[in-house]
Amino acid sequence: MPIGRIMASLRGRKAVLAAAAFAVTSGWTAYMASGPDQTVVAIHQAIDKGLTPPAVELAVDKLIKPWEGLKLYAYQDQVGVWTICYGETLGVHKGMQKTLAECEAMLTRRVIHDYYLPLVDGVKGYGDAPDSVQASMLSGAYNFGTAGQLGSRAAKFVTRRQYRQACEAQTAWNKAKHQIVPGLVKRREMGDAQRLGEAELCVSGL
């Protein structure tokens, strides 16, 4: 159960509406409407055509970027792992530098292929869930891992179409070394003055 009260917010609803507008202007909505009946197949085909899922756009812009922060040069994180851009660790080494455009392209590509598609393929009904639910789960997976998300209670609730319960279930991922971390509570729940929380965004689209 979440520590605080989870509720929809005006900023959350605005973010969801912006994602819906992106889905229309990018061609995602039209393609999905005219594509195959099977959602999973249609999603793969849309991505193969170069379209970005609105849930990815929402997760990247409203959750992952704000919570991860940006560094254009490689640095060692708190546990000594070389990191760059928006928390990227794959293939990062000392002395590496990236431009803002490179970081943004890398992030979107990674989120689509290493987080979004595994959830589409591995969680029954994920692709049919509201974009806000998909986005919150993407942010969670980016933070604590795809494997953890695939086996999570949130994933089970999504399969049952119990979206409110899925939003709240993810708030359990708020610990490090078995201790509750205030920063993770904020990220998982209602955010802070500058940043949306995952559960806040999640329920704002229901």
C-alpha atoms as a PDB file:
ATOM      1  CA  MET A   1       0.000   0.000   0.000  1.00  0.00           C
ATOM      2  CA  PRO A   2       1.210   3.528  -0.688  1.00  0.00           C
ATOM      3  CA  ILE A   3       2.407   5.638   2.214  1.00  0.00           C
ATOM      4  CA  GLY A   4       0.483   8.736   1.155  1.00  0.00           C
ATOM      5  CA  ARG A   5      -2.856   9.361  -0.517  1.00  0.00           C
ATOM      6  CA  ILE A   6      -2.804   8.726  -4.262  1.00  0.00           C
ATOM      7  CA  MET A   7      -4.955  11.078  -6.317  1.00  0.00           C
ATOM      8  CA  ALA A   8      -5.243  12.535  -9.795  1.00  0.00           C
ATOM      9  CA  SER A   9      -3.879  16.039 -10.296  1.00  0.00           C
ATOM     10  CA  LEU A  10      -4.307  18.871 -12.762  1.00  0.00           C
ATOM     11  CA  ARG A  11      -0.688  18.596 -13.909  1.00  0.00           C
ATOM     12  CA  GLY A  12      -1.160  14.858 -14.324  1.00  0.00           C
ATOM     13  CA  ARG A  13      -4.277  15.303 -16.451  1.00  0.00           C
ATOM     14  CA  LYS A  14      -2.516  17.924 -18.603  1.00  0.00           C
ATOM     15  CA  ALA A  15       0.339  15.481 -19.205  1.00  0.00           C
ATOM     16  CA  VAL A  16      -2.113  12.749 -20.230  1.00  0.00           C
ATOM     17  CA  LEU A  17      -3.913  15.101 -22.625  1.00  0.00           C
ATOM     18  CA  ALA A  18      -0.589  16.125 -24.174  1.00  0.00           C
ATOM     19  CA  ALA A  19       0.245  12.448 -24.728  1.00  0.00           C
ATOM     20  CA  ALA A  20      -3.142  11.916 -26.396  1.00  0.00           C
ATOM     21  CA  ALA A  21      -2.456  14.872 -28.697  1.00  0.00           C
ATOM     22  CA  PHE A  22       0.974  13.437 -29.512  1.00  0.00           C
ATOM     23  CA  ALA A  23      -0.644  10.103 -30.389  1.00  0.00           C
ATOM     24  CA  VAL A  24      -2.829  11.881 -32.965  1.00  0.00           C
ATOM     25  CA  THR A  25      -0.216  14.203 -34.485  1.00  0.00           C
ATOM     26  CA  SER A  26       2.467  11.498 -34.680  1.00  0.00           C
ATOM     27  CA  GLY A  27       0.182   9.128 -36.552  1.00  0.00           C
ATOM     28  CA  TRP A  28       0.102   6.524 -33.785  1.00  0.00           C
ATOM     29  CA  THR A  29      -3.662   6.720 -33.297  1.00  0.00           C
ATOM     30  CA  ALA A  30      -4.429   6.426 -37.001  1.00  0.00           C
ATOM     31  CA  TYR A  31      -2.067   3.510 -37.467  1.00  0.00           C
ATOM     32  CA  MET A  32      -3.359   1.596 -34.470  1.00  0.00           C
ATOM     33  CA  ALA A  33      -6.951   2.129 -35.644  1.00  0.00           C
ATOM     34  CA  SER A  34      -6.197   0.780 -39.114  1.00  0.00           C
ATOM     35  CA  GLY A  35      -3.744  -1.906 -38.073  1.00  0.00           C
ATOM     36  CA  PRO A  36      -4.300  -5.571 -37.244  1.00  0.00           C
ATOM     37  CA  ASP A  37      -6.833  -6.596 -34.635  1.00  0.00           C
ATOM     38  CA  GLN A  38      -4.123  -7.901 -32.323  1.00  0.00           C
ATOM     39  CA  THR A  39      -2.739  -5.029 -30.246  1.00  0.00           C
ATOM     40  CA  VAL A  40       0.684  -6.587 -29.702  1.00  0.00           C
ATOM     41  CA  VAL A  41       1.224  -7.163 -33.422  1.00  0.00           C
ATOM     42  CA  ALA A  42      -0.001  -3.655 -34.280  1.00  0.00           C
ATOM     43  CA  ILE A  43       2.349  -2.098 -31.726  1.00  0.00           C
ATOM     44  CA  HIS A  44       5.372  -3.929 -33.126  1.00  0.00           C
ATOM     45  CA  GLN A  45       4.451  -2.924 -36.657  1.00  0.00           C
ATOM     46  CA  ALA A  46       3.933   0.727 -35.692  1.00  0.00           C
ATOM     47  CA  ILE A  47       7.341   0.839 -33.993  1.00  0.00           C
ATOM     48  CA  ASP A  48       8.966  -0.853 -36.998  1.00  0.00           C
ATOM     49  CA  LYS A  49       7.587   2.033 -39.076  1.00  0.00           C
ATOM     50  CA  GLY A  50       9.379   4.494 -36.797  1.00  0.00           C
ATOM     51  CA  LEU A  51       6.425   5.617 -34.683  1.00  0.00           C
ATOM     52  CA  THR A  52       6.918   6.354 -30.993  1.00  0.00           C
ATOM     53  CA  PRO A  53       4.243   5.018 -28.606  1.00  0.00           C
ATOM     54  CA  PRO A  54       2.495   7.832 -26.695  1.00  0.00           C
ATOM     55  CA  ALA A  55       3.152   5.962 -23.437  1.00  0.00           C
ATOM     56  CA  VAL A  56       6.890   6.121 -24.170  1.00  0.00           C
ATOM     57  CA  GLU A  57       6.714   9.832 -24.947  1.00  0.00           C
ATOM     58  CA  LEU A  58       4.787  10.389 -21.705  1.00  0.00           C
ATOM     59  CA  ALA A  59       7.157   8.312 -19.582  1.00  0.00           C
ATOM     60  CA  VAL A  60      10.300   9.848 -21.053  1.00  0.00           C
ATOM     61  CA  ASP A  61       9.247  13.490 -20.847  1.00  0.00           C
ATOM     62  CA  LYS A  62       7.204  13.556 -17.645  1.00  0.00           C
ATOM     63  CA  LEU A  63       8.817  10.880 -15.463  1.00  0.00           C
ATOM     64  CA  ILE A  64      12.187   9.514 -16.554  1.00  0.00           C
ATOM     65  CA  LYS A  65      13.923  12.745 -17.571  1.00  0.00           C
ATOM     66  CA  PRO A  66      12.843  14.749 -14.523  1.00  0.00           C
ATOM     67  CA  TRP A  67      13.722  12.009 -12.014  1.00  0.00           C
ATOM     68  CA  GLU A  68      16.948  10.780 -13.600  1.00  0.00           C
ATOM     69  CA  GLY A  69      18.475  14.159 -14.431  1.00  0.00           C
ATOM     70  CA  LEU A  70      20.915  14.852 -17.292  1.00  0.00           C
ATOM     71  CA  LYS A  71      24.706  14.608 -17.465  1.00  0.00           C
ATOM     72  CA  LEU A  72      26.445  14.976 -20.829  1.00  0.00           C
ATOM     73  CA  TYR A  73      29.672  13.426 -19.540  1.00  0.00           C
ATOM     74  CA  ALA A  74      30.328  10.060 -17.923  1.00  0.00           C
ATOM     75  CA  TYR A  75      30.426   9.993 -14.137  1.00  0.00           C
ATOM     76  CA  GLN A  76      30.415   7.328 -11.452  1.00  0.00           C
ATOM     77  CA  ASP A  77      27.178   7.006  -9.519  1.00  0.00           C
ATOM     78  CA  GLN A  78      26.887   6.340  -5.781  1.00  0.00           C
ATOM     79  CA  VAL A  79      27.887   2.700  -6.191  1.00  0.00           C
ATOM     80  CA  GLY A  80      30.678   3.359  -8.682  1.00  0.00           C
ATOM     81  CA  VAL A  81      28.863   2.547 -11.946  1.00  0.00           C
ATOM     82  CA  TRP A  82      29.800   4.711 -14.931  1.00  0.00           C
ATOM     83  CA  THR A  83      26.693   6.628 -15.987  1.00  0.00           C
ATOM     84  CA  ILE A  84      25.785   9.241 -18.597  1.00  0.00           C
ATOM     85  CA  CYS A  85      22.802  11.124 -20.033  1.00  0.00           C
ATOM     86  CA  TYR A  86      19.545  10.227 -18.254  1.00  0.00           C
ATOM     87  CA  GLY A  87      20.904   7.485 -15.999  1.00  0.00           C
ATOM     88  CA  GLU A  88      22.283   5.386 -18.886  1.00  0.00           C
ATOM     89  CA  THR A  89      24.819   2.746 -17.800  1.00  0.00           C
ATOM     90  CA  LEU A  90      24.957   0.391 -20.791  1.00  0.00           C
ATOM     91  CA  GLY A  91      28.350   0.605 -22.497  1.00  0.00           C
ATOM     92  CA  VAL A  92      29.361   3.730 -20.584  1.00  0.00           C
ATOM     93  CA  HIS A  93      33.035   4.287 -19.799  1.00  0.00           C
ATOM     94  CA  LYS A  94      35.300   6.936 -18.328  1.00  0.00           C
ATOM     95  CA  GLY A  95      35.747   9.979 -20.575  1.00  0.00           C
ATOM     96  CA  MET A  96      32.577   9.403 -22.612  1.00  0.00           C
ATOM     97  CA  GLN A  97      30.640  12.497 -23.684  1.00  0.00           C
ATOM     98  CA  LYS A  98      27.309  12.929 -25.463  1.00  0.00           C
ATOM     99  CA  THR A  99      25.285  15.798 -26.905  1.00  0.00           C
ATOM    100  CA  LEU A 100      21.756  16.550 -25.702  1.00  0.00           C
ATOM    101  CA  ALA A 101      20.337  15.213 -28.970  1.00  0.00           C
ATOM    102  CA  GLU A 102      22.333  11.991 -28.603  1.00  0.00           C
ATOM    103  CA  CYS A 103      21.128  11.538 -25.030  1.00  0.00           C
ATOM    104  CA  GLU A 104      17.492  12.058 -25.977  1.00  0.00           C
ATOM    105  CA  ALA A 105      17.682   9.674 -28.939  1.00  0.00           C
ATOM    106  CA  MET A 106      19.449   7.062 -26.808  1.00  0.00           C
ATOM    107  CA  LEU A 107      16.851   7.325 -24.073  1.00  0.00           C
ATOM    108  CA  THR A 108      13.855   6.969 -26.381  1.00  0.00           C
ATOM    109  CA  ARG A 109      15.446   4.041 -28.221  1.00  0.00           C
ATOM    110  CA  ARG A 110      16.328   2.255 -24.985  1.00  0.00           C
ATOM    111  CA  VAL A 111      12.907   2.795 -23.435  1.00  0.00           C
ATOM    112  CA  ILE A 112      11.143   1.448 -26.531  1.00  0.00           C
ATOM    113  CA  HIS A 113      13.275  -1.641 -27.079  1.00  0.00           C
ATOM    114  CA  ASP A 114      14.472  -2.572 -23.587  1.00  0.00           C
ATOM    115  CA  TYR A 115      11.424  -1.649 -21.518  1.00  0.00           C
ATOM    116  CA  TYR A 116       8.280  -0.953 -23.549  1.00  0.00           C
ATOM    117  CA  LEU A 117       8.358  -3.904 -25.951  1.00  0.00           C
ATOM    118  CA  PRO A 118       9.275  -6.434 -23.228  1.00  0.00           C
ATOM    119  CA  LEU A 119       6.251  -5.222 -21.234  1.00  0.00           C
ATOM    120  CA  VAL A 120       4.010  -5.350 -24.313  1.00  0.00           C
ATOM    121  CA  ASP A 121       5.141  -8.914 -24.974  1.00  0.00           C
ATOM    122  CA  GLY A 122       5.382 -10.078 -21.374  1.00  0.00           C
ATOM    123  CA  VAL A 123       2.367  -8.568 -19.614  1.00  0.00           C
ATOM    124  CA  LYS A 124      -0.988  -9.623 -21.024  1.00  0.00           C
ATOM    125  CA  GLY A 125      -3.135  -6.568 -21.663  1.00  0.00           C
ATOM    126  CA  TYR A 126      -0.333  -4.044 -21.123  1.00  0.00           C
ATOM    127  CA  GLY A 127      -0.722  -2.560 -24.613  1.00  0.00           C
ATOM    128  CA  ASP A 128      -4.445  -2.036 -23.997  1.00  0.00           C
ATOM    129  CA  ALA A 129      -3.969  -0.257 -20.667  1.00  0.00           C
ATOM    130  CA  PRO A 130      -4.355   3.537 -20.452  1.00  0.00           C
ATOM    131  CA  ASP A 131      -1.226   5.405 -21.539  1.00  0.00           C
ATOM    132  CA  SER A 132      -0.804   6.785 -18.027  1.00  0.00           C
ATOM    133  CA  VAL A 133      -0.631   3.260 -16.592  1.00  0.00           C
ATOM    134  CA  GLN A 134       1.799   2.131 -19.270  1.00  0.00           C
ATOM    135  CA  ALA A 135       3.979   5.211 -18.726  1.00  0.00           C
ATOM    136  CA  SER A 136       4.150   4.825 -14.952  1.00  0.00           C
ATOM    137  CA  MET A 137       5.177   1.185 -15.352  1.00  0.00           C
ATOM    138  CA  LEU A 138       7.830   2.175 -17.894  1.00  0.00           C
ATOM    139  CA  SER A 139       9.302   4.685 -15.469  1.00  0.00           C
ATOM    140  CA  GLY A 140       9.299   2.038 -12.771  1.00  0.00           C
ATOM    141  CA  ALA A 141      10.957  -0.526 -15.030  1.00  0.00           C
ATOM    142  CA  TYR A 142      13.621   2.001 -16.049  1.00  0.00           C
ATOM    143  CA  ASN A 143      14.366   2.590 -12.379  1.00  0.00           C
ATOM    144  CA  PHE A 144      14.183  -0.911 -10.873  1.00  0.00           C
ATOM    145  CA  GLY A 145      14.441  -3.184 -13.906  1.00  0.00           C
ATOM    146  CA  THR A 146      12.328  -4.856 -16.553  1.00  0.00           C
ATOM    147  CA  ALA A 147      12.475  -8.269 -14.866  1.00  0.00           C
ATOM    148  CA  GLY A 148      11.136  -6.802 -11.646  1.00  0.00           C
ATOM    149  CA  GLN A 149       8.275  -5.129 -13.461  1.00  0.00           C
ATOM    150  CA  LEU A 150       7.350  -8.241 -15.436  1.00  0.00           C
ATOM    151  CA  GLY A 151       6.920 -10.195 -12.205  1.00  0.00           C
ATOM    152  CA  SER A 152       5.346  -7.377 -10.211  1.00  0.00           C
ATOM    153  CA  ARG A 153       1.926  -7.127  -8.603  1.00  0.00           C
ATOM    154  CA  ALA A 154       1.319  -4.091 -10.813  1.00  0.00           C
ATOM    155  CA  ALA A 155       1.704  -6.287 -13.897  1.00  0.00           C
ATOM    156  CA  LYS A 156      -0.757  -8.824 -12.484  1.00  0.00           C
ATOM    157  CA  PHE A 157      -3.326  -6.088 -11.850  1.00  0.00           C
ATOM    158  CA  VAL A 158      -2.908  -4.764 -15.400  1.00  0.00           C
ATOM    159  CA  THR A 159      -3.660  -8.225 -16.784  1.00  0.00           C
ATOM    160  CA  ARG A 160      -6.892  -8.164 -14.769  1.00  0.00           C
ATOM    161  CA  ARG A 161      -7.606  -4.598 -15.972  1.00  0.00           C
ATOM    162  CA  GLN A 162      -7.532  -3.411 -12.363  1.00  0.00           C
ATOM    163  CA  TYR A 163      -5.695  -0.226 -13.207  1.00  0.00           C
ATOM    164  CA  ARG A 164      -6.153   1.724  -9.984  1.00  0.00           C
ATOM    165  CA  GLN A 165      -4.719  -1.219  -8.057  1.00  0.00           C
ATOM    166  CA  ALA A 166      -1.823  -1.404 -10.526  1.00  0.00           C
ATOM    167  CA  CYS A 167      -1.045   2.275  -9.954  1.00  0.00           C
ATOM    168  CA  GLU A 168      -0.907   1.758  -6.204  1.00  0.00           C
ATOM    169  CA  ALA A 169       0.932  -1.579  -6.306  1.00  0.00           C
ATOM    170  CA  GLN A 170       4.006  -0.036  -7.921  1.00  0.00           C
ATOM    171  CA  THR A 171       4.457   2.294  -4.947  1.00  0.00           C
ATOM    172  CA  ALA A 172       5.865  -0.707  -3.038  1.00  0.00           C
ATOM    173  CA  TRP A 173       9.159  -0.261  -4.938  1.00  0.00           C
ATOM    174  CA  ASN A 174      10.335   2.447  -2.532  1.00  0.00           C
ATOM    175  CA  LYS A 175      13.235   0.763  -0.761  1.00  0.00           C
ATOM    176  CA  ALA A 176      17.005   0.418  -1.073  1.00  0.00           C
ATOM    177  CA  LYS A 177      18.799  -2.179   1.047  1.00  0.00           C
ATOM    178  CA  HIS A 178      15.443  -2.930   2.734  1.00  0.00           C
ATOM    179  CA  GLN A 179      15.091   0.673   3.913  1.00  0.00           C
ATOM    180  CA  ILE A 180      12.383   3.067   2.699  1.00  0.00           C
ATOM    181  CA  VAL A 181      13.978   5.925   0.750  1.00  0.00           C
ATOM    182  CA  PRO A 182      12.072   9.248   0.862  1.00  0.00           C
ATOM    183  CA  GLY A 183      13.131  10.118  -2.690  1.00  0.00           C
ATOM    184  CA  LEU A 184      11.748   6.836  -3.991  1.00  0.00           C
ATOM    185  CA  VAL A 185       8.503   7.392  -2.098  1.00  0.00           C
ATOM    186  CA  LYS A 186       8.123  10.716  -3.920  1.00  0.00           C
ATOM    187  CA  ARG A 187       8.955   9.195  -7.303  1.00  0.00           C
ATOM    188  CA  ARG A 188       6.609   6.248  -6.810  1.00  0.00           C
ATOM    189  CA  GLU A 189       3.721   8.248  -5.338  1.00  0.00           C
ATOM    190  CA  MET A 190       2.837  11.949  -5.703  1.00  0.00           C
ATOM    191  CA  GLY A 191       6.141  13.482  -6.763  1.00  0.00           C
ATOM    192  CA  ASP A 192       7.305  16.874  -5.537  1.00  0.00           C
ATOM    193  CA  ALA A 193       6.778  20.510  -6.459  1.00  0.00           C
ATOM    194  CA  GLN A 194       8.640  20.171  -9.761  1.00  0.00           C
ATOM    195  CA  ARG A 195       8.079  16.531 -10.746  1.00  0.00           C
ATOM    196  CA  LEU A 196       5.119  14.247 -11.269  1.00  0.00           C
ATOM    197  CA  GLY A 197       4.997  11.048  -9.272  1.00  0.00           C
ATOM    198  CA  GLU A 198       4.423   7.748 -11.058  1.00  0.00           C
ATOM    199  CA  ALA A 199       1.202   6.918  -9.199  1.00  0.00           C
ATOM    200  CA  GLU A 200      -0.008  10.511  -9.562  1.00  0.00           C
ATOM    201  CA  LEU A 201       0.363  10.321 -13.349  1.00  0.00           C
ATOM    202  CA  CYS A 202      -0.976   6.766 -13.405  1.00  0.00           C
ATOM    203  CA  VAL A 203      -4.327   7.593 -11.801  1.00  0.00           C
ATOM    204  CA  SER A 204      -4.635  10.914 -13.664  1.00  0.00           C
ATOM    205  CA  GLY A 205      -5.346   8.973 -16.836  1.00  0.00           C
ATOM    206  CA  LEU A 206      -8.017   6.656 -15.446  1.00  0.00           C
END
